């Protein structure tokens, strides 16, 4: 493995935190920083790659892995109710606005 040296400015509070982590793990700050950079580079994924990975040939959203529809929750949030007989929503809204219910 070849190593090269670059000079960058890092916030002193960040360096203190890295040094604390290094001390608790019994290693050096350089080792911690190098591993963090390697992990970040491995986990880098563009939005286009994520859409391709999640879509499988279908149109999908970028955050599909977090999307979990709950129909009951949506019905409660939307205020949708089921009734046995039809009613006039306009009349019902006017009654609610005027507090005549």
N, C-alpha and C. Protein backbone atom coordinates (compact mmCIF):
# COMPACT_ATOMS: atom_id res chain seq x y z
N UNK A 1 0.84 -1.17 0.00
CA UNK A 1 0.00 0.00 0.00
C UNK A 1 0.88 1.23 0.00
N UNK A 2 0.60 2.13 -0.90
CA UNK A 2 1.37 3.37 -0.98
C UNK A 2 0.68 4.44 -0.17
N UNK A 3 1.45 5.24 0.48
CA UNK A 3 0.87 6.34 1.22
C UNK A 3 1.44 7.64 0.70
N UNK A 4 0.64 8.65 0.77
CA UNK A 4 1.11 9.98 0.40
C UNK A 4 0.62 10.95 1.46
N UNK A 5 1.24 12.08 1.52
CA UNK A 5 0.90 13.05 2.55
C UNK A 5 0.23 14.24 1.91
N UNK A 6 -0.90 14.64 2.49
CA UNK A 6 -1.55 15.87 2.09
C UNK A 6 -1.78 16.70 3.33
N UNK A 7 -1.88 17.98 3.14
CA UNK A 7 -2.11 18.87 4.28
C UNK A 7 -3.49 19.47 4.15
N UNK A 8 -4.30 19.28 5.19
CA UNK A 8 -5.64 19.87 5.22
C UNK A 8 -5.86 20.50 6.58
N UNK A 9 -6.75 21.47 6.62
CA UNK A 9 -7.08 22.10 7.90
C UNK A 9 -8.33 21.44 8.46
N UNK A 10 -8.22 20.95 9.68
CA UNK A 10 -9.35 20.30 10.35
C UNK A 10 -9.65 21.08 11.62
N UNK A 11 -10.90 21.25 11.90
CA UNK A 11 -11.35 21.95 13.10
C UNK A 11 -10.71 21.32 14.33
N UNK A 12 -10.22 22.15 15.25
CA UNK A 12 -9.53 21.62 16.43
C UNK A 12 -10.44 20.78 17.31
N UNK A 13 -11.72 21.13 17.41
CA UNK A 13 -12.65 20.32 18.21
C UNK A 13 -12.83 18.94 17.58
N UNK A 14 -12.83 18.88 16.26
CA UNK A 14 -12.94 17.60 15.57
C UNK A 14 -11.69 16.75 15.82
N UNK A 15 -10.55 17.39 15.77
CA UNK A 15 -9.31 16.66 16.04
C UNK A 15 -9.28 16.11 17.47
N UNK A 16 -9.77 16.91 18.42
CA UNK A 16 -9.82 16.43 19.81
C UNK A 16 -10.70 15.20 19.93
N UNK A 17 -11.85 15.23 19.24
CA UNK A 17 -12.76 14.09 19.27
C UNK A 17 -12.12 12.86 18.65
N UNK A 18 -11.43 13.05 17.53
CA UNK A 18 -10.75 11.93 16.86
C UNK A 18 -9.66 11.36 17.75
N UNK A 19 -8.94 12.22 18.43
CA UNK A 19 -7.88 11.74 19.33
C UNK A 19 -8.46 10.97 20.51
N UNK A 20 -9.61 11.41 21.03
CA UNK A 20 -10.27 10.68 22.12
C UNK A 20 -10.68 9.28 21.65
N UNK A 21 -11.25 9.22 20.45
CA UNK A 21 -11.65 7.92 19.89
C UNK A 21 -10.42 7.03 19.71
N UNK A 22 -9.34 7.61 19.20
CA UNK A 22 -8.11 6.84 18.97
C UNK A 22 -7.55 6.30 20.28
N UNK A 23 -7.58 7.11 21.33
CA UNK A 23 -7.06 6.67 22.63
C UNK A 23 -7.89 5.52 23.20
N UNK A 24 -9.23 5.62 23.07
CA UNK A 24 -10.08 4.54 23.62
C UNK A 24 -9.92 3.26 22.83
N UNK A 25 -9.61 3.37 21.53
CA UNK A 25 -9.42 2.17 20.71
C UNK A 25 -7.98 1.71 20.69
N UNK A 26 -7.09 2.46 21.30
CA UNK A 26 -5.68 2.08 21.35
C UNK A 26 -4.98 2.19 20.01
N UNK A 27 -5.29 3.20 19.25
CA UNK A 27 -4.68 3.39 17.94
C UNK A 27 -4.34 4.86 17.74
N UNK A 28 -4.03 5.25 16.52
CA UNK A 28 -3.66 6.64 16.24
C UNK A 28 -4.80 7.39 15.56
N UNK A 29 -4.70 8.71 15.61
CA UNK A 29 -5.69 9.54 14.94
C UNK A 29 -5.67 9.35 13.44
N UNK A 30 -4.47 9.16 12.88
CA UNK A 30 -4.35 8.93 11.43
C UNK A 30 -5.09 7.68 11.01
N UNK A 31 -4.97 6.63 11.80
CA UNK A 31 -5.65 5.37 11.48
C UNK A 31 -7.16 5.58 11.47
N UNK A 32 -7.69 6.29 12.48
CA UNK A 32 -9.12 6.56 12.58
C UNK A 32 -9.59 7.38 11.38
N UNK A 33 -8.86 8.45 11.05
CA UNK A 33 -9.24 9.31 9.93
C UNK A 33 -9.22 8.53 8.62
N UNK A 34 -8.16 7.73 8.40
CA UNK A 34 -8.07 6.95 7.16
C UNK A 34 -9.24 5.97 7.04
N UNK A 35 -9.58 5.30 8.13
CA UNK A 35 -10.71 4.36 8.09
C UNK A 35 -12.03 5.07 7.83
N UNK A 36 -12.20 6.25 8.43
CA UNK A 36 -13.43 7.02 8.20
C UNK A 36 -13.55 7.41 6.73
N UNK A 37 -12.46 7.84 6.14
CA UNK A 37 -12.48 8.24 4.73
C UNK A 37 -12.75 7.04 3.84
N UNK A 38 -12.12 5.90 4.14
CA UNK A 38 -12.36 4.69 3.34
C UNK A 38 -13.82 4.27 3.39
N UNK A 39 -14.41 4.28 4.61
CA UNK A 39 -15.82 3.90 4.76
C UNK A 39 -16.73 4.86 4.01
N UNK A 40 -16.41 6.15 4.08
CA UNK A 40 -17.23 7.15 3.39
C UNK A 40 -17.16 6.94 1.88
N UNK A 41 -15.98 6.63 1.36
CA UNK A 41 -15.84 6.42 -0.08
C UNK A 41 -16.57 5.16 -0.53
N UNK A 42 -16.57 4.11 0.29
CA UNK A 42 -17.29 2.88 -0.06
C UNK A 42 -18.80 3.10 -0.05
N UNK A 43 -19.28 3.96 0.85
CA UNK A 43 -20.71 4.18 1.00
C UNK A 43 -21.26 5.25 0.08
N UNK A 44 -20.39 5.87 -0.70
CA UNK A 44 -20.85 6.93 -1.59
C UNK A 44 -21.65 6.32 -2.73
N UNK A 45 -22.85 6.82 -2.90
CA UNK A 45 -23.72 6.33 -3.96
C UNK A 45 -24.48 7.54 -4.52
N UNK A 46 -24.43 7.71 -5.82
CA UNK A 46 -25.14 8.84 -6.41
C UNK A 46 -26.63 8.56 -6.41
N UNK A 47 -27.40 9.61 -6.56
CA UNK A 47 -28.86 9.46 -6.59
C UNK A 47 -29.27 8.59 -7.78
N UNK A 48 -28.60 8.77 -8.91
CA UNK A 48 -28.92 7.96 -10.09
C UNK A 48 -28.69 6.47 -9.82
N UNK A 49 -27.57 6.16 -9.15
CA UNK A 49 -27.28 4.75 -8.81
C UNK A 49 -28.33 4.20 -7.86
N UNK A 50 -28.75 5.02 -6.90
CA UNK A 50 -29.74 4.57 -5.93
C UNK A 50 -31.08 4.30 -6.62
N UNK A 51 -31.48 5.19 -7.53
CA UNK A 51 -32.74 4.98 -8.26
C UNK A 51 -32.66 3.71 -9.08
N UNK A 52 -31.54 3.48 -9.77
CA UNK A 52 -31.38 2.27 -10.57
C UNK A 52 -31.45 1.03 -9.68
N UNK A 53 -30.80 1.10 -8.53
CA UNK A 53 -30.76 -0.05 -7.62
C UNK A 53 -32.15 -0.36 -7.08
N UNK A 54 -32.92 0.67 -6.76
CA UNK A 54 -34.22 0.46 -6.15
C UNK A 54 -35.34 0.21 -7.16
N UNK A 55 -35.15 0.67 -8.40
CA UNK A 55 -36.27 0.64 -9.33
C UNK A 55 -36.54 -0.73 -9.95
N UNK A 56 -35.50 -1.50 -10.25
CA UNK A 56 -35.67 -2.81 -10.90
C UNK A 56 -36.55 -2.71 -12.14
N UNK A 57 -36.32 -1.68 -12.96
CA UNK A 57 -37.07 -1.51 -14.19
C UNK A 57 -38.38 -0.78 -14.03
N UNK A 58 -38.74 -0.39 -12.82
CA UNK A 58 -39.98 0.35 -12.58
C UNK A 58 -39.64 1.78 -12.17
N UNK A 59 -40.59 2.65 -12.35
CA UNK A 59 -40.41 4.02 -11.86
C UNK A 59 -40.63 4.00 -10.36
N UNK A 60 -39.71 4.58 -9.63
CA UNK A 60 -39.81 4.59 -8.18
C UNK A 60 -39.24 5.89 -7.63
N UNK A 61 -39.34 6.08 -6.36
CA UNK A 61 -38.79 7.28 -5.76
C UNK A 61 -37.41 6.99 -5.16
N UNK A 62 -36.64 8.04 -4.95
CA UNK A 62 -35.27 7.88 -4.47
C UNK A 62 -35.23 7.34 -3.05
N UNK A 63 -36.23 7.64 -2.23
CA UNK A 63 -36.23 7.16 -0.85
C UNK A 63 -37.22 6.02 -0.65
N UNK A 64 -37.34 5.15 -1.63
CA UNK A 64 -38.32 4.06 -1.58
C UNK A 64 -38.06 3.11 -0.43
N UNK A 65 -36.81 2.95 -0.02
CA UNK A 65 -36.52 2.01 1.07
C UNK A 65 -37.10 2.49 2.40
N UNK A 66 -37.36 3.79 2.53
CA UNK A 66 -37.91 4.33 3.75
C UNK A 66 -39.42 4.47 3.68
N UNK A 67 -40.01 4.31 2.49
CA UNK A 67 -41.44 4.51 2.29
C UNK A 67 -42.21 3.28 2.73
N UNK A 68 -43.07 3.47 3.69
CA UNK A 68 -43.87 2.37 4.21
C UNK A 68 -45.30 2.86 4.38
N UNK A 69 -46.14 2.67 3.35
CA UNK A 69 -47.49 3.21 3.43
C UNK A 69 -48.33 2.49 4.48
N UNK A 70 -49.07 3.25 5.23
CA UNK A 70 -49.98 2.72 6.24
C UNK A 70 -51.36 3.30 5.95
N UNK A 71 -52.22 2.55 5.25
CA UNK A 71 -53.52 3.10 4.82
C UNK A 71 -54.37 3.62 5.97
N UNK A 72 -54.39 2.92 7.10
CA UNK A 72 -55.20 3.36 8.23
C UNK A 72 -54.73 4.72 8.75
N UNK A 73 -53.43 4.88 8.83
CA UNK A 73 -52.86 6.14 9.31
C UNK A 73 -53.22 7.28 8.35
N UNK A 74 -53.13 7.03 7.04
CA UNK A 74 -53.46 8.06 6.06
C UNK A 74 -54.94 8.44 6.13
N UNK A 75 -55.81 7.45 6.33
CA UNK A 75 -57.24 7.74 6.43
C UNK A 75 -57.52 8.61 7.65
N UNK A 76 -56.87 8.33 8.76
CA UNK A 76 -57.07 9.13 9.96
C UNK A 76 -56.54 10.54 9.77
N UNK A 77 -55.36 10.67 9.13
CA UNK A 77 -54.77 11.99 8.90
C UNK A 77 -55.63 12.81 7.95
N UNK A 78 -56.17 12.19 6.93
CA UNK A 78 -56.96 12.90 5.93
C UNK A 78 -58.36 13.23 6.45
N UNK A 79 -58.79 12.60 7.51
CA UNK A 79 -60.11 12.85 8.04
C UNK A 79 -61.19 12.15 7.25
N UNK A 80 -60.87 11.07 6.59
CA UNK A 80 -61.85 10.34 5.80
C UNK A 80 -62.66 9.45 6.73
N UNK A 81 -63.99 9.49 6.53
CA UNK A 81 -64.87 8.67 7.35
C UNK A 81 -65.77 7.84 6.45
N UNK A 82 -66.27 6.76 6.99
CA UNK A 82 -67.22 5.94 6.26
C UNK A 82 -68.60 6.13 6.89
N UNK A 83 -69.60 6.32 6.03
CA UNK A 83 -70.97 6.48 6.54
C UNK A 83 -71.88 5.50 5.82
N UNK A 84 -73.00 5.20 6.46
CA UNK A 84 -73.96 4.27 5.85
C UNK A 84 -74.83 4.98 4.84
N UNK A 85 -75.08 6.28 5.04
CA UNK A 85 -75.90 7.02 4.09
C UNK A 85 -75.10 8.24 3.59
N UNK A 86 -75.33 8.67 2.36
CA UNK A 86 -74.59 9.82 1.83
C UNK A 86 -74.98 11.11 2.54
N UNK A 87 -74.08 12.06 2.55
CA UNK A 87 -74.39 13.36 3.16
C UNK A 87 -73.74 14.46 2.34
N UNK A 88 -74.19 15.67 2.54
CA UNK A 88 -73.70 16.84 1.82
C UNK A 88 -72.50 17.40 2.56
N UNK A 89 -71.32 17.25 1.97
CA UNK A 89 -70.10 17.72 2.64
C UNK A 89 -70.09 19.24 2.78
N UNK A 90 -70.59 19.94 1.80
CA UNK A 90 -70.64 21.41 1.89
C UNK A 90 -71.47 21.86 3.07
N UNK A 91 -72.63 21.23 3.24
CA UNK A 91 -73.52 21.56 4.36
C UNK A 91 -72.83 21.22 5.69
N UNK A 92 -72.15 20.07 5.73
CA UNK A 92 -71.47 19.66 6.95
C UNK A 92 -70.35 20.64 7.31
N UNK A 93 -69.59 21.09 6.32
CA UNK A 93 -68.51 22.05 6.58
C UNK A 93 -69.07 23.37 7.09
N UNK A 94 -70.16 23.83 6.47
CA UNK A 94 -70.77 25.09 6.93
C UNK A 94 -71.26 24.96 8.37
N UNK A 95 -71.85 23.82 8.71
CA UNK A 95 -72.31 23.60 10.09
C UNK A 95 -71.14 23.63 11.07
N UNK A 96 -70.03 23.00 10.65
CA UNK A 96 -68.85 22.99 11.54
C UNK A 96 -68.29 24.38 11.70
N UNK A 97 -68.22 25.14 10.60
CA UNK A 97 -67.70 26.51 10.68
C UNK A 97 -68.56 27.41 11.57
N UNK A 98 -69.86 27.21 11.48
CA UNK A 98 -70.79 28.02 12.28
C UNK A 98 -71.04 27.41 13.66
N UNK A 99 -70.45 26.24 13.91
CA UNK A 99 -70.63 25.50 15.16
C UNK A 99 -72.10 25.15 15.40
N UNK A 100 -72.76 24.72 14.35
CA UNK A 100 -74.17 24.35 14.44
C UNK A 100 -74.34 22.84 14.33
N UNK A 101 -73.50 22.09 14.88
CA UNK A 101 -73.60 20.63 14.76
C UNK A 101 -74.17 20.01 15.99
